[in-house]
Amino acid sequence: MADKKTEVAGATAAKDAKTASQLIDVKITALADWRGEMLARIRNLIREADLDVIEEVKWRKPSNPAGVPVWSHAGIICTGEIYKDKVKLTFAKGALLDDPSGLFNSSLEGNIRRAIDIEKGVQIDETALKALIRAAVALNTNSR
């Protein structure tokens, strides 16, 4: 049987716990610059491309309590990493995806992953990104 102090601590932790979507909201708001705006735009495009997408936050640690936003559907589709000079959208199985628009511009030497580095002022081809998201979902769902 748990003591009163443990019960109170557990209740407080549950009350303070945020959903992954709420943690992503906090991350976007905390950025308060072009990176937050870009992450929000990418998030909206992912949600438009896949209505069944699941938002997660992984790799949380004391130096990065908000963690890394992750979008999944039958496996990881992509992550949204924030750096000082860019937003990096890493596709877990990007090397297996057709990229006719040439969005992938980073991690091209990897065997599995591919990424899109988006720097300040860069406009992303929204139609091509949605197609890439849908292709990643199809790959995940067909792999099962």
Protein backbone atom coordinates (compact mmCIF):
# COMPACT_ATOMS: atom_id res chain seq x y z
CA MET A 1 0.00 0.00 0.00
CA ALA A 2 1.40 3.40 -1.02
CA ASP A 3 1.89 6.03 1.63
CA LYS A 4 0.13 9.41 1.46
CA LYS A 5 3.27 11.23 0.26
CA THR A 6 3.68 8.81 -2.68
CA GLU A 7 -0.01 9.15 -3.60
CA VAL A 8 0.22 12.95 -3.58
CA ALA A 9 3.41 12.90 -5.67
CA GLY A 10 1.78 10.54 -8.16
CA ALA A 11 -1.33 12.70 -8.44
CA THR A 12 0.80 15.82 -8.97
CA ALA A 13 2.86 14.10 -11.66
CA ALA A 14 -0.30 12.97 -13.44
CA LYS A 15 -1.77 16.48 -13.26
CA ASP A 16 1.45 18.03 -14.59
CA ALA A 17 1.88 15.44 -17.33
CA LYS A 18 1.24 16.84 -20.77
CA THR A 19 0.22 14.99 -23.87
CA ALA A 20 2.70 14.84 -26.73
CA SER A 21 0.63 17.38 -28.66
CA GLN A 22 0.72 19.76 -25.70
CA LEU A 23 4.50 19.34 -25.38
CA ILE A 24 4.88 20.16 -29.08
CA ASP A 25 2.66 23.23 -28.58
CA VAL A 26 4.94 24.33 -25.72
CA LYS A 27 8.05 23.79 -27.85
CA ILE A 28 6.63 25.85 -30.72
CA THR A 29 5.60 28.68 -28.40
CA ALA A 30 8.93 28.65 -26.55
CA LEU A 31 10.89 29.06 -29.78
CA ALA A 32 9.16 32.39 -30.51
CA ASP A 33 11.03 32.88 -33.79
CA TRP A 34 11.00 31.62 -37.38
CA ARG A 35 11.86 28.07 -36.21
CA GLY A 36 8.68 27.87 -34.16
CA GLU A 37 6.66 29.17 -37.09
CA MET A 38 8.30 26.62 -39.42
CA LEU A 39 7.76 23.72 -37.00
CA ALA A 40 4.10 24.74 -36.65
CA ARG A 41 3.72 24.91 -40.45
CA ILE A 42 5.35 21.51 -40.94
CA ARG A 43 3.15 20.04 -38.22
CA ASN A 44 0.03 21.34 -39.96
CA LEU A 45 1.15 19.90 -43.29
CA ILE A 46 1.79 16.51 -41.70
CA ARG A 47 -1.67 16.54 -40.10
CA GLU A 48 -3.25 17.52 -43.43
CA ALA A 49 -1.39 14.76 -45.28
CA ASP A 50 -2.30 12.05 -42.76
CA LEU A 51 -5.45 12.48 -40.72
CA ASP A 52 -4.51 9.45 -38.60
CA VAL A 53 -1.01 10.65 -37.68
CA ILE A 54 0.04 10.17 -34.07
CA GLU A 55 2.12 12.84 -32.38
CA GLU A 56 4.77 11.70 -29.93
CA VAL A 57 7.69 13.25 -28.13
CA LYS A 58 10.84 11.16 -27.76
CA TRP A 59 14.33 11.55 -26.43
CA ARG A 60 13.42 13.85 -23.53
CA LYS A 61 16.31 14.66 -21.21
CA PRO A 62 17.16 17.39 -18.69
CA SER A 63 18.91 19.48 -21.35
CA ASN A 64 15.91 19.11 -23.68
CA PRO A 65 12.80 18.51 -21.53
CA ALA A 66 10.44 19.19 -24.43
CA GLY A 67 12.10 16.36 -26.38
CA VAL A 68 11.89 15.84 -30.12
CA PRO A 69 8.53 15.93 -31.90
CA VAL A 70 7.84 12.66 -33.70
CA TRP A 71 5.03 11.88 -36.11
CA SER A 72 4.05 8.23 -36.51
CA HIS A 73 1.62 6.03 -38.36
CA ALA A 74 2.38 2.31 -38.13
CA GLY A 75 5.93 3.38 -37.29
CA ILE A 76 7.86 6.62 -37.31
CA ILE A 77 7.20 8.86 -40.31
CA CYS A 78 9.54 11.70 -39.35
CA THR A 79 10.97 13.80 -36.56
CA GLY A 80 11.16 17.58 -36.22
CA GLU A 81 14.50 18.59 -34.74
CA ILE A 82 15.35 22.16 -33.87
CA TYR A 83 18.83 23.62 -34.30
CA LYS A 84 20.14 27.16 -33.96
CA ASP A 85 20.13 27.74 -37.72
CA LYS A 86 17.57 25.25 -39.07
CA VAL A 87 14.61 22.97 -38.59
CA LYS A 88 15.50 19.41 -39.59
CA LEU A 89 12.77 17.06 -40.73
CA THR A 90 14.22 13.53 -40.61
CA PHE A 91 12.34 10.69 -42.29
CA ALA A 92 12.98 7.35 -40.57
CA LYS A 93 12.87 5.40 -43.86
CA GLY A 94 13.64 8.25 -46.22
CA ALA A 95 16.17 6.30 -48.29
CA LEU A 96 13.34 3.98 -49.32
CA LEU A 97 11.11 6.81 -50.53
CA ASP A 98 10.94 8.33 -53.99
CA ASP A 99 11.72 12.05 -53.80
CA PRO A 100 11.00 13.37 -57.30
CA SER A 101 10.92 16.98 -56.07
CA GLY A 102 14.35 16.68 -54.45
CA LEU A 103 13.25 17.76 -50.97
CA PHE A 104 15.86 15.63 -49.22
CA ASN A 105 19.01 17.71 -48.82
CA SER A 106 20.65 16.17 -45.74
CA SER A 107 21.72 12.78 -44.40
CA LEU A 108 21.93 11.60 -48.01
CA GLU A 109 24.77 9.19 -47.27
CA GLY A 110 22.74 7.15 -44.76
CA ASN A 111 21.37 3.72 -45.55
CA ILE A 112 17.91 4.36 -44.13
CA ARG A 113 17.24 7.93 -43.03
CA ARG A 114 17.00 11.06 -45.14
CA ALA A 115 16.40 14.59 -43.95
CA ILE A 116 15.26 18.00 -45.09
CA ASP A 117 17.19 20.89 -43.57
CA ILE A 118 15.08 24.04 -43.63
CA GLU A 119 16.92 27.28 -43.00
CA LYS A 120 15.50 30.71 -42.32
CA GLY A 121 13.70 32.19 -45.32
CA VAL A 122 13.45 28.90 -47.24
CA GLN A 123 10.05 28.11 -48.68
CA ILE A 124 9.18 24.43 -48.63
CA ASP A 125 7.21 22.84 -51.47
CA GLU A 126 4.09 21.97 -49.46
CA THR A 127 2.58 19.70 -52.12
CA ALA A 128 5.81 17.72 -52.41
CA LEU A 129 6.15 17.45 -48.63
CA LYS A 130 2.60 16.13 -48.28
CA ALA A 131 3.32 13.57 -51.00
CA LEU A 132 6.47 12.50 -49.14
CA ILE A 133 4.48 12.15 -45.89
CA ARG A 134 1.85 10.02 -47.64
CA ALA A 135 4.57 7.86 -49.21
CA ALA A 136 6.16 7.33 -45.78
CA VAL A 137 2.80 6.31 -44.31
CA ALA A 138 2.21 3.91 -47.22
CA LEU A 139 5.65 2.39 -46.70
CA ASN A 140 4.98 1.92 -42.99
CA THR A 141 1.54 0.41 -43.47
CA ASN A 142 2.62 -1.86 -46.34
CA SER A 143 5.62 -3.11 -44.34
CA ARG A 144 3.40 -4.72 -41.72
